[in-house]
Amino acid sequence: MNKEEVANIGFEIVAYSGDARSKLLLALKDAKTGNLGECDKLIAEAKELLADAHRVQFDLLSREAKGETAELGFIMVHAQDHLMTTLLLADIITTLLDVYR
């Protein structure tokens, strides 16, 4: 895989995890105001987006495991950082939501 192909995969991961991050923060805002129905909907949507990001990441890992070399650039590093911090945010917000319930 060339650098441009890997960068496009990175952009996809950033997009999915960025959308998930936004939904998680909106869910927390809804929880603060007692709108738990909307909160649960947003959490479910965020989990779907994170699953999509993981799918894209797994596809890249699978290709590399099969022997395809991947030319990594800063975009992929950013994508991985973005995904990992969003996963951490999901864990923290899930715990915080227990307090609001």
N, C-alpha and C. Protein backbone atom coordinates (compact mmCIF):
# COMPACT_ATOMS: atom_id res chain seq x y z
N MET A 1 0.85 -1.18 0.00
CA MET A 1 0.00 0.00 0.00
C MET A 1 0.89 1.23 0.00
N ASN A 2 0.56 2.15 -0.87
CA ASN A 2 1.36 3.36 -0.90
C ASN A 2 0.87 4.35 0.17
N LYS A 3 1.63 5.41 0.31
CA LYS A 3 1.35 6.38 1.37
C LYS A 3 -0.02 7.03 1.20
N GLU A 4 -0.42 7.30 -0.04
CA GLU A 4 -1.72 7.94 -0.29
C GLU A 4 -2.87 7.00 0.10
N GLU A 5 -2.75 5.72 -0.22
CA GLU A 5 -3.79 4.76 0.14
C GLU A 5 -3.93 4.64 1.66
N VAL A 6 -2.80 4.58 2.33
CA VAL A 6 -2.82 4.49 3.79
C VAL A 6 -3.38 5.78 4.39
N ALA A 7 -3.05 6.92 3.79
CA ALA A 7 -3.57 8.21 4.28
C ALA A 7 -5.10 8.24 4.14
N ASN A 8 -5.62 7.73 3.05
CA ASN A 8 -7.08 7.70 2.88
C ASN A 8 -7.74 6.82 3.93
N ILE A 9 -7.10 5.72 4.27
CA ILE A 9 -7.61 4.86 5.34
C ILE A 9 -7.57 5.63 6.66
N GLY A 10 -6.50 6.38 6.87
CA GLY A 10 -6.37 7.20 8.08
C GLY A 10 -7.47 8.24 8.17
N PHE A 11 -7.77 8.89 7.05
CA PHE A 11 -8.85 9.88 7.04
C PHE A 11 -10.19 9.23 7.39
N GLU A 12 -10.38 8.02 6.93
CA GLU A 12 -11.63 7.31 7.23
C GLU A 12 -11.73 7.03 8.74
N ILE A 13 -10.64 6.61 9.33
CA ILE A 13 -10.63 6.34 10.77
C ILE A 13 -10.88 7.63 11.55
N VAL A 14 -10.25 8.72 11.13
CA VAL A 14 -10.46 10.02 11.79
C VAL A 14 -11.93 10.44 11.69
N ALA A 15 -12.52 10.26 10.52
CA ALA A 15 -13.92 10.66 10.33
C ALA A 15 -14.85 9.87 11.25
N TYR A 16 -14.69 8.55 11.26
CA TYR A 16 -15.55 7.73 12.12
C TYR A 16 -15.35 8.06 13.60
N SER A 17 -14.10 8.14 14.03
CA SER A 17 -13.87 8.38 15.45
C SER A 17 -14.23 9.82 15.83
N GLY A 18 -14.06 10.76 14.92
CA GLY A 18 -14.46 12.14 15.20
C GLY A 18 -15.96 12.27 15.37
N ASP A 19 -16.71 11.60 14.49
CA ASP A 19 -18.17 11.61 14.63
C ASP A 19 -18.59 10.94 15.93
N ALA A 20 -17.92 9.86 16.28
CA ALA A 20 -18.23 9.16 17.54
C ALA A 20 -17.96 10.08 18.73
N ARG A 21 -16.85 10.78 18.69
CA ARG A 21 -16.48 11.70 19.77
C ARG A 21 -17.56 12.77 19.95
N SER A 22 -18.02 13.33 18.85
CA SER A 22 -19.06 14.36 18.92
C SER A 22 -20.34 13.81 19.55
N LYS A 23 -20.72 12.62 19.14
CA LYS A 23 -21.94 12.01 19.69
C LYS A 23 -21.78 11.70 21.18
N LEU A 24 -20.61 11.27 21.58
CA LEU A 24 -20.36 10.98 22.99
C LEU A 24 -20.50 12.25 23.84
N LEU A 25 -19.94 13.34 23.35
CA LEU A 25 -20.02 14.60 24.10
C LEU A 25 -21.45 15.13 24.14
N LEU A 26 -22.19 14.97 23.05
CA LEU A 26 -23.60 15.35 23.05
C LEU A 26 -24.41 14.47 24.02
N ALA A 27 -24.07 13.20 24.07
CA ALA A 27 -24.75 12.28 24.99
C ALA A 27 -24.54 12.72 26.44
N LEU A 28 -23.34 13.12 26.76
CA LEU A 28 -23.06 13.59 28.12
C LEU A 28 -23.87 14.85 28.42
N LYS A 29 -23.96 15.74 27.45
CA LYS A 29 -24.76 16.96 27.62
C LYS A 29 -26.23 16.61 27.87
N ASP A 30 -26.75 15.64 27.11
CA ASP A 30 -28.14 15.21 27.31
C ASP A 30 -28.33 14.58 28.68
N ALA A 31 -27.36 13.82 29.13
CA ALA A 31 -27.46 13.19 30.44
C ALA A 31 -27.52 14.25 31.54
N LYS A 32 -26.74 15.30 31.39
CA LYS A 32 -26.74 16.37 32.38
C LYS A 32 -28.11 17.03 32.51
N THR A 33 -28.85 17.09 31.40
CA THR A 33 -30.17 17.73 31.43
C THR A 33 -31.30 16.72 31.66
N GLY A 34 -30.94 15.46 31.88
CA GLY A 34 -31.95 14.45 32.18
C GLY A 34 -32.59 13.81 30.97
N ASN A 35 -32.10 14.11 29.78
CA ASN A 35 -32.65 13.54 28.56
C ASN A 35 -31.95 12.21 28.25
N LEU A 36 -32.26 11.20 29.07
CA LEU A 36 -31.54 9.93 28.98
C LEU A 36 -31.90 9.13 27.74
N GLY A 37 -33.10 9.32 27.20
CA GLY A 37 -33.48 8.62 25.98
C GLY A 37 -32.59 9.02 24.81
N GLU A 38 -32.42 10.32 24.63
CA GLU A 38 -31.55 10.82 23.57
C GLU A 38 -30.10 10.44 23.84
N CYS A 39 -29.72 10.48 25.09
CA CYS A 39 -28.38 10.10 25.50
C CYS A 39 -28.07 8.66 25.06
N ASP A 40 -28.98 7.74 25.36
CA ASP A 40 -28.78 6.33 24.99
C ASP A 40 -28.70 6.15 23.48
N LYS A 41 -29.50 6.92 22.75
CA LYS A 41 -29.49 6.86 21.28
C LYS A 41 -28.12 7.30 20.76
N LEU A 42 -27.60 8.38 21.29
CA LEU A 42 -26.31 8.90 20.85
C LEU A 42 -25.17 7.95 21.21
N ILE A 43 -25.25 7.33 22.37
CA ILE A 43 -24.22 6.36 22.76
C ILE A 43 -24.22 5.18 21.79
N ALA A 44 -25.40 4.70 21.43
CA ALA A 44 -25.50 3.59 20.48
C ALA A 44 -24.92 3.98 19.12
N GLU A 45 -25.20 5.19 18.68
CA GLU A 45 -24.66 5.66 17.40
C GLU A 45 -23.14 5.78 17.47
N ALA A 46 -22.63 6.27 18.59
CA ALA A 46 -21.18 6.39 18.76
C ALA A 46 -20.52 5.01 18.73
N LYS A 47 -21.14 4.03 19.37
CA LYS A 47 -20.58 2.68 19.37
C LYS A 47 -20.53 2.11 17.96
N GLU A 48 -21.55 2.39 17.15
CA GLU A 48 -21.55 1.94 15.75
C GLU A 48 -20.41 2.58 14.97
N LEU A 49 -20.21 3.87 15.18
CA LEU A 49 -19.14 4.58 14.49
C LEU A 49 -17.78 4.04 14.92
N LEU A 50 -17.62 3.75 16.19
CA LEU A 50 -16.35 3.17 16.66
C LEU A 50 -16.14 1.78 16.08
N ALA A 51 -17.21 1.02 15.94
CA ALA A 51 -17.10 -0.30 15.31
C ALA A 51 -16.67 -0.15 13.84
N ASP A 52 -17.19 0.87 13.15
CA ASP A 52 -16.78 1.13 11.77
C ASP A 52 -15.29 1.49 11.71
N ALA A 53 -14.85 2.33 12.64
CA ALA A 53 -13.43 2.71 12.68
C ALA A 53 -12.56 1.48 12.93
N HIS A 54 -13.00 0.62 13.83
CA HIS A 54 -12.25 -0.61 14.11
C HIS A 54 -12.21 -1.52 12.89
N ARG A 55 -13.31 -1.58 12.14
CA ARG A 55 -13.35 -2.40 10.94
C ARG A 55 -12.31 -1.93 9.93
N VAL A 56 -12.25 -0.63 9.72
CA VAL A 56 -11.27 -0.05 8.79
C VAL A 56 -9.85 -0.34 9.28
N GLN A 57 -9.63 -0.15 10.56
CA GLN A 57 -8.32 -0.41 11.14
C GLN A 57 -7.95 -1.89 10.99
N PHE A 58 -8.90 -2.77 11.27
CA PHE A 58 -8.65 -4.21 11.17
C PHE A 58 -8.33 -4.62 9.74
N ASP A 59 -9.03 -4.02 8.78
CA ASP A 59 -8.74 -4.33 7.37
C ASP A 59 -7.30 -3.98 7.02
N LEU A 60 -6.83 -2.84 7.50
CA LEU A 60 -5.45 -2.43 7.27
C LEU A 60 -4.49 -3.42 7.93
N LEU A 61 -4.78 -3.77 9.17
CA LEU A 61 -3.92 -4.72 9.88
C LEU A 61 -3.89 -6.09 9.19
N SER A 62 -5.04 -6.51 8.70
CA SER A 62 -5.12 -7.80 8.01
C SER A 62 -4.29 -7.79 6.73
N ARG A 63 -4.37 -6.71 6.00
CA ARG A 63 -3.59 -6.61 4.76
C ARG A 63 -2.10 -6.66 5.06
N GLU A 64 -1.70 -5.98 6.11
CA GLU A 64 -0.28 -5.99 6.47
C GLU A 64 0.14 -7.38 6.96
N ALA A 65 -0.73 -8.04 7.71
CA ALA A 65 -0.42 -9.38 8.20
C ALA A 65 -0.27 -10.39 7.06
N LYS A 66 -0.95 -10.12 5.94
CA LYS A 66 -0.87 -10.99 4.76
C LYS A 66 0.37 -10.69 3.91
N GLY A 67 1.17 -9.75 4.38
CA GLY A 67 2.42 -9.46 3.68
C GLY A 67 2.45 -8.18 2.89
N GLU A 68 1.34 -7.47 2.82
CA GLU A 68 1.32 -6.20 2.11
C GLU A 68 2.01 -5.16 2.97
N THR A 69 2.94 -4.46 2.41
CA THR A 69 3.62 -3.42 3.19
C THR A 69 2.78 -2.14 3.16
N ALA A 70 2.85 -1.41 4.24
CA ALA A 70 2.08 -0.17 4.37
C ALA A 70 3.05 0.96 4.64
N GLU A 71 3.01 1.97 3.78
CA GLU A 71 3.83 3.15 3.95
C GLU A 71 3.10 4.12 4.87
N LEU A 72 3.50 4.17 6.12
CA LEU A 72 2.79 4.99 7.10
C LEU A 72 3.29 6.42 7.10
N GLY A 73 2.36 7.33 7.27
CA GLY A 73 2.69 8.74 7.40
C GLY A 73 2.02 9.31 8.64
N PHE A 74 2.17 10.59 8.82
CA PHE A 74 1.64 11.24 10.01
C PHE A 74 0.13 11.16 10.09
N ILE A 75 -0.56 11.11 8.95
CA ILE A 75 -2.02 11.03 8.97
C ILE A 75 -2.48 9.77 9.68
N MET A 76 -1.81 8.65 9.42
CA MET A 76 -2.19 7.40 10.09
C MET A 76 -1.85 7.45 11.57
N VAL A 77 -0.76 8.08 11.91
CA VAL A 77 -0.42 8.24 13.33
C VAL A 77 -1.52 9.06 14.01
N HIS A 78 -1.95 10.12 13.37
CA HIS A 78 -3.03 10.96 13.91
C HIS A 78 -4.32 10.15 14.03
N ALA A 79 -4.61 9.35 13.03
CA ALA A 79 -5.83 8.53 13.04
C ALA A 79 -5.84 7.58 14.22
N GLN A 80 -4.72 6.94 14.46
CA GLN A 80 -4.64 6.00 15.57
C GLN A 80 -4.79 6.72 16.91
N ASP A 81 -4.16 7.88 17.01
CA ASP A 81 -4.29 8.69 18.23
C ASP A 81 -5.74 9.12 18.44
N HIS A 82 -6.37 9.54 17.38
CA HIS A 82 -7.77 10.00 17.44
C HIS A 82 -8.69 8.85 17.88
N LEU A 83 -8.48 7.69 17.30
CA LEU A 83 -9.31 6.53 17.65
C LEU A 83 -9.10 6.13 19.10
N MET A 84 -7.87 6.06 19.54
CA MET A 84 -7.59 5.63 20.91
C MET A 84 -8.14 6.62 21.94
N THR A 85 -8.01 7.91 21.68
CA THR A 85 -8.54 8.88 22.65
C THR A 85 -10.07 8.85 22.67
N THR A 86 -10.69 8.58 21.52
CA THR A 86 -12.15 8.49 21.49
C THR A 86 -12.62 7.24 22.23
N LEU A 87 -11.88 6.15 22.11
CA LEU A 87 -12.23 4.95 22.86
C LEU A 87 -12.12 5.20 24.36
N LEU A 88 -11.09 5.92 24.76
CA LEU A 88 -10.94 6.27 26.18
C LEU A 88 -12.08 7.18 26.63
N LEU A 89 -12.43 8.15 25.79
CA LEU A 89 -13.55 9.04 26.11
C LEU A 89 -14.84 8.24 26.28
N ALA A 90 -15.06 7.25 25.43
CA ALA A 90 -16.26 6.41 25.53
C ALA A 90 -16.29 5.69 26.87
N ASP A 91 -15.17 5.17 27.30
CA ASP A 91 -15.11 4.50 28.60
C ASP A 91 -15.41 5.47 29.74
N ILE A 92 -14.82 6.64 29.68
CA ILE A 92 -15.02 7.63 30.74
C ILE A 92 -16.48 8.10 30.78
N ILE A 93 -17.04 8.40 29.62
CA ILE A 93 -18.43 8.88 29.57
C ILE A 93 -19.40 7.80 30.01
N THR A 94 -19.15 6.56 29.63
CA THR A 94 -20.00 5.46 30.08
C THR A 94 -20.02 5.38 31.60
N THR A 95 -18.89 5.57 32.21
CA THR A 95 -18.81 5.55 33.67
C THR A 95 -19.51 6.78 34.26
N LEU A 96 -19.32 7.92 33.64
CA LEU A 96 -19.99 9.14 34.11
C LEU A 96 -21.51 9.04 34.02
N LEU A 97 -21.98 8.39 32.97
CA LEU A 97 -23.43 8.25 32.79
C LEU A 97 -24.06 7.46 33.92
N ASP A 98 -23.32 6.55 34.51
CA ASP A 98 -23.83 5.81 35.68
C ASP A 98 -24.15 6.77 36.82
N VAL A 99 -23.37 7.83 36.93
CA VAL A 99 -23.60 8.83 37.97
C VAL A 99 -24.92 9.58 37.71
N TYR A 100 -25.18 9.90 36.46
CA TYR A 100 -26.40 10.63 36.10
C TYR A 100 -27.66 9.77 36.19
N ARG A 101 -27.50 8.48 36.13
CA ARG A 101 -28.67 7.58 36.18
C ARG A 101 -29.03 7.39 37.61
